[in-house]
Amino acid sequence: MLAPALLALGSDPVGASADQNYFALFLGGAVAALLATALTPLIRHPRLVRD
């Protein structure tokens, strides 16, 4: 849902595409992947959690 907004952020500072910002799209994907990687250890298996 965020991809169209990231593509519309202006011109790409690295690539040749002047109307779509693929650099922001790639950077947003990388940030999302790093955030998911950091939060994955917090997920607990229901059978392993003791109350």
PDB file of N, CA and C in Angstrom:
ATOM      1  N   MET A   1       0.811  -1.190   0.000  1.00  0.00           N
ATOM      2  CA  MET A   1       0.000   0.000   0.000  1.00  0.00           C
ATOM      3  C   MET A   1       0.861   1.264   0.000  1.00  0.00           C
ATOM      4  N   LEU A   2       2.084   1.150   0.441  1.00  0.00           N
ATOM      5  CA  LEU A   2       2.953   2.319   0.490  1.00  0.00           C
ATOM      6  C   LEU A   2       3.774   2.516  -0.786  1.00  0.00           C
ATOM      7  N   ALA A   3       3.819   1.513  -1.636  1.00  0.00           N
ATOM      8  CA  ALA A   3       4.656   1.592  -2.834  1.00  0.00           C
ATOM      9  C   ALA A   3       4.294   2.767  -3.738  1.00  0.00           C
ATOM     10  N   PRO A   4       3.026   3.020  -4.043  1.00  0.00           N
ATOM     11  CA  PRO A   4       2.732   4.185  -4.891  1.00  0.00           C
ATOM     12  C   PRO A   4       3.172   5.507  -4.267  1.00  0.00           C
ATOM     13  N   ALA A   5       3.058   5.608  -2.946  1.00  0.00           N
ATOM     14  CA  ALA A   5       3.493   6.835  -2.283  1.00  0.00           C
ATOM     15  C   ALA A   5       5.010   6.991  -2.360  1.00  0.00           C
ATOM     16  N   LEU A   6       5.736   5.894  -2.198  1.00  0.00           N
ATOM     17  CA  LEU A   6       7.202   5.966  -2.283  1.00  0.00           C
ATOM     18  C   LEU A   6       7.665   6.276  -3.702  1.00  0.00           C
ATOM     19  N   LEU A   7       6.958   5.737  -4.693  1.00  0.00           N
ATOM     20  CA  LEU A   7       7.327   6.018  -6.077  1.00  0.00           C
ATOM     21  C   LEU A   7       7.034   7.458  -6.465  1.00  0.00           C
ATOM     22  N   ALA A   8       6.077   8.077  -5.799  1.00  0.00           N
ATOM     23  CA  ALA A   8       5.685   9.442  -6.143  1.00  0.00           C
ATOM     24  C   ALA A   8       6.455  10.498  -5.365  1.00  0.00           C
ATOM     25  N   LEU A   9       7.464  10.128  -4.619  1.00  0.00           N
ATOM     26  CA  LEU A   9       8.204  11.077  -3.783  1.00  0.00           C
ATOM     27  C   LEU A   9       9.083  12.056  -4.553  1.00  0.00           C
ATOM     28  N   GLY A  10       9.116  11.982  -5.828  1.00  0.00           N
ATOM     29  CA  GLY A  10       9.957  12.899  -6.595  1.00  0.00           C
ATOM     30  C   GLY A  10      10.931  12.137  -7.461  1.00  0.00           C
ATOM     31  N   SER A  11      11.977  12.812  -7.857  1.00  0.00           N
ATOM     32  CA  SER A  11      12.926  12.194  -8.774  1.00  0.00           C
ATOM     33  C   SER A  11      13.883  11.277  -8.034  1.00  0.00           C
ATOM     34  N   ASP A  12      14.360  10.283  -8.736  1.00  0.00           N
ATOM     35  CA  ASP A  12      15.300   9.306  -8.201  1.00  0.00           C
ATOM     36  C   ASP A  12      16.699   9.925  -8.179  1.00  0.00           C
ATOM     37  N   PRO A  13      17.346  10.014  -7.009  1.00  0.00           N
ATOM     38  CA  PRO A  13      18.670  10.649  -6.952  1.00  0.00           C
ATOM     39  C   PRO A  13      19.772   9.812  -7.592  1.00  0.00           C
ATOM     40  N   VAL A  14      19.534   8.524  -7.791  1.00  0.00           N
ATOM     41  CA  VAL A  14      20.588   7.652  -8.305  1.00  0.00           C
ATOM     42  C   VAL A  14      20.319   7.231  -9.744  1.00  0.00           C
ATOM     43  N   GLY A  15      19.099   6.805 -10.034  1.00  0.00           N
ATOM     44  CA  GLY A  15      18.769   6.262 -11.339  1.00  0.00           C
ATOM     45  C   GLY A  15      18.414   7.320 -12.363  1.00  0.00           C
ATOM     46  N   ALA A  16      18.091   6.853 -13.544  1.00  0.00           N
ATOM     47  CA  ALA A  16      17.776   7.756 -14.645  1.00  0.00           C
ATOM     48  C   ALA A  16      16.290   8.095 -14.711  1.00  0.00           C
ATOM     49  N   SER A  17      15.457   7.406 -13.945  1.00  0.00           N
ATOM     50  CA  SER A  17      14.025   7.645 -13.996  1.00  0.00           C
ATOM     51  C   SER A  17      13.694   8.936 -13.258  1.00  0.00           C
ATOM     52  N   ALA A  18      13.172   9.915 -13.987  1.00  0.00           N
ATOM     53  CA  ALA A  18      12.901  11.213 -13.387  1.00  0.00           C
ATOM     54  C   ALA A  18      11.503  11.304 -12.801  1.00  0.00           C
ATOM     55  N   ASP A  19      10.604  10.396 -13.172  1.00  0.00           N
ATOM     56  CA  ASP A  19       9.225  10.524 -12.709  1.00  0.00           C
ATOM     57  C   ASP A  19       8.883   9.565 -11.570  1.00  0.00           C
ATOM     58  N   GLN A  20       9.688   8.538 -11.340  1.00  0.00           N
ATOM     59  CA  GLN A  20       9.409   7.588 -10.277  1.00  0.00           C
ATOM     60  C   GLN A  20      10.661   7.363  -9.447  1.00  0.00           C
ATOM     61  N   ASN A  21      10.489   7.312  -8.140  1.00  0.00           N
ATOM     62  CA  ASN A  21      11.618   7.216  -7.223  1.00  0.00           C
ATOM     63  C   ASN A  21      11.795   5.770  -6.767  1.00  0.00           C
ATOM     64  N   TYR A  22      12.475   4.982  -7.571  1.00  0.00           N
ATOM     65  CA  TYR A  22      12.709   3.582  -7.225  1.00  0.00           C
ATOM     66  C   TYR A  22      13.711   3.445  -6.083  1.00  0.00           C
ATOM     67  N   PHE A  23      14.561   4.427  -5.892  1.00  0.00           N
ATOM     68  CA  PHE A  23      15.499   4.411  -4.769  1.00  0.00           C
ATOM     69  C   PHE A  23      14.738   4.438  -3.447  1.00  0.00           C
ATOM     70  N   ALA A  24      13.715   5.283  -3.330  1.00  0.00           N
ATOM     71  CA  ALA A  24      12.906   5.346  -2.108  1.00  0.00           C
ATOM     72  C   ALA A  24      12.141   4.043  -1.911  1.00  0.00           C
ATOM     73  N   LEU A  25      11.672   3.444  -2.991  1.00  0.00           N
ATOM     74  CA  LEU A  25      10.967   2.169  -2.897  1.00  0.00           C
ATOM     75  C   LEU A  25      11.906   1.071  -2.387  1.00  0.00           C
ATOM     76  N   PHE A  26      13.113   1.011  -2.915  1.00  0.00           N
ATOM     77  CA  PHE A  26      14.096   0.025  -2.476  1.00  0.00           C
ATOM     78  C   PHE A  26      14.497   0.262  -1.025  1.00  0.00           C
ATOM     79  N   LEU A  27      14.708   1.513  -0.665  1.00  0.00           N
ATOM     80  CA  LEU A  27      15.092   1.853   0.704  1.00  0.00           C
ATOM     81  C   LEU A  27      13.967   1.520   1.682  1.00  0.00           C
ATOM     82  N   GLY A  28      12.731   1.772   1.307  1.00  0.00           N
ATOM     83  CA  GLY A  28      11.593   1.421   2.155  1.00  0.00           C
ATOM     84  C   GLY A  28      11.481  -0.082   2.350  1.00  0.00           C
ATOM     85  N   GLY A  29      11.732  -0.841   1.302  1.00  0.00           N
ATOM     86  CA  GLY A  29      11.724  -2.299   1.414  1.00  0.00           C
ATOM     87  C   GLY A  29      12.833  -2.814   2.308  1.00  0.00           C
ATOM     88  N   ALA A  30      14.004  -2.198   2.209  1.00  0.00           N
ATOM     89  CA  ALA A  30      15.123  -2.606   3.050  1.00  0.00           C
ATOM     90  C   ALA A  30      14.844  -2.297   4.521  1.00  0.00           C
ATOM     91  N   VAL A  31      14.245  -1.149   4.792  1.00  0.00           N
ATOM     92  CA  VAL A  31      13.908  -0.789   6.174  1.00  0.00           C
ATOM     93  C   VAL A  31      12.857  -1.742   6.723  1.00  0.00           C
ATOM     94  N   ALA A  32      11.862  -2.084   5.912  1.00  0.00           N
ATOM     95  CA  ALA A  32      10.828  -3.025   6.352  1.00  0.00           C
ATOM     96  C   ALA A  32      11.422  -4.403   6.639  1.00  0.00           C
ATOM     97  N   ALA A  33      12.358  -4.849   5.812  1.00  0.00           N
ATOM     98  CA  ALA A  33      12.995  -6.147   6.029  1.00  0.00           C
ATOM     99  C   ALA A  33      13.843  -6.151   7.299  1.00  0.00           C
ATOM    100  N   LEU A  34      14.568  -5.078   7.540  1.00  0.00           N
ATOM    101  CA  LEU A  34      15.378  -4.998   8.761  1.00  0.00           C
ATOM    102  C   LEU A  34      14.506  -4.929  10.009  1.00  0.00           C
ATOM    103  N   LEU A  35      13.404  -4.214   9.925  1.00  0.00           N
ATOM    104  CA  LEU A  35      12.475  -4.138  11.052  1.00  0.00           C
ATOM    105  C   LEU A  35      11.851  -5.498  11.335  1.00  0.00           C
ATOM    106  N   ALA A  36      11.465  -6.215  10.290  1.00  0.00           N
ATOM    107  CA  ALA A  36      10.898  -7.555  10.476  1.00  0.00           C
ATOM    108  C   ALA A  36      11.925  -8.512  11.059  1.00  0.00           C
ATOM    109  N   THR A  37      13.171  -8.400  10.618  1.00  0.00           N
ATOM    110  CA  THR A  37      14.234  -9.247  11.147  1.00  0.00           C
ATOM    111  C   THR A  37      14.487  -8.960  12.628  1.00  0.00           C
ATOM    112  N   ALA A  38      14.420  -7.698  13.009  1.00  0.00           N
ATOM    113  CA  ALA A  38      14.653  -7.333  14.405  1.00  0.00           C
ATOM    114  C   ALA A  38      13.511  -7.784  15.306  1.00  0.00           C
ATOM    115  N   LEU A  39      12.292  -7.806  14.790  1.00  0.00           N
ATOM    116  CA  LEU A  39      11.131  -8.154  15.605  1.00  0.00           C
ATOM    117  C   LEU A  39      10.813  -9.648  15.618  1.00  0.00           C
ATOM    118  N   THR A  40      11.395 -10.420  14.738  1.00  0.00           N
ATOM    119  CA  THR A  40      11.111 -11.851  14.660  1.00  0.00           C
ATOM    120  C   THR A  40      11.412 -12.611  15.952  1.00  0.00           C
ATOM    121  N   PRO A  41      12.493 -12.327  16.669  1.00  0.00           N
ATOM    122  CA  PRO A  41      12.736 -13.061  17.931  1.00  0.00           C
ATOM    123  C   PRO A  41      11.669 -12.829  19.001  1.00  0.00           C
ATOM    124  N   LEU A  42      10.872 -11.804  18.869  1.00  0.00           N
ATOM    125  CA  LEU A  42       9.829 -11.527  19.853  1.00  0.00           C
ATOM    126  C   LEU A  42       8.593 -12.409  19.676  1.00  0.00           C
ATOM    127  N   ILE A  43       8.511 -13.114  18.559  1.00  0.00           N
ATOM    128  CA  ILE A  43       7.377 -13.995  18.304  1.00  0.00           C
ATOM    129  C   ILE A  43       7.575 -15.271  19.119  1.00  0.00           C
ATOM    130  N   ARG A  44       6.560 -15.659  19.854  1.00  0.00           N
ATOM    131  CA  ARG A  44       6.659 -16.844  20.695  1.00  0.00           C
ATOM    132  C   ARG A  44       5.710 -17.916  20.195  1.00  0.00           C
ATOM    133  N   HIS A  45       6.154 -19.138  20.288  1.00  0.00           N
ATOM    134  CA  HIS A  45       5.322 -20.270  19.902  1.00  0.00           C
ATOM    135  C   HIS A  45       4.296 -20.499  21.006  1.00  0.00           C
ATOM    136  N   PRO A  46       3.011 -20.689  20.662  1.00  0.00           N
ATOM    137  CA  PRO A  46       1.971 -20.832  21.687  1.00  0.00           C
ATOM    138  C   PRO A  46       2.188 -22.005  22.643  1.00  0.00           C
ATOM    139  N   ARG A  47       2.761 -23.099  22.147  1.00  0.00           N
ATOM    140  CA  ARG A  47       2.971 -24.259  23.018  1.00  0.00           C
ATOM    141  C   ARG A  47       4.170 -24.088  23.944  1.00  0.00           C
ATOM    142  N   LEU A  48       5.052 -23.166  23.638  1.00  0.00           N
ATOM    143  CA  LEU A  48       6.247 -22.982  24.462  1.00  0.00           C
ATOM    144  C   LEU A  48       6.065 -21.930  25.542  1.00  0.00           C
ATOM    145  N   VAL A  49       5.006 -21.163  25.462  1.00  0.00           N
ATOM    146  CA  VAL A  49       4.757 -20.099  26.440  1.00  0.00           C
ATOM    147  C   VAL A  49       4.026 -20.693  27.643  1.00  0.00           C
ATOM    148  N   ARG A  50       4.594 -20.491  28.824  1.00  0.00           N
ATOM    149  CA  ARG A  50       3.948 -20.997  30.043  1.00  0.00           C
ATOM    150  C   ARG A  50       3.381 -19.824  30.813  1.00  0.00           C
ATOM    151  N   ASP A  51       2.183 -20.014  31.288  1.00  0.00           N
ATOM    152  CA  ASP A  51       1.530 -18.937  32.059  1.00  0.00           C
ATOM    153  C   ASP A  51       1.764 -19.082  33.532  1.00  0.00           C
TER     154      ASP A  51
END
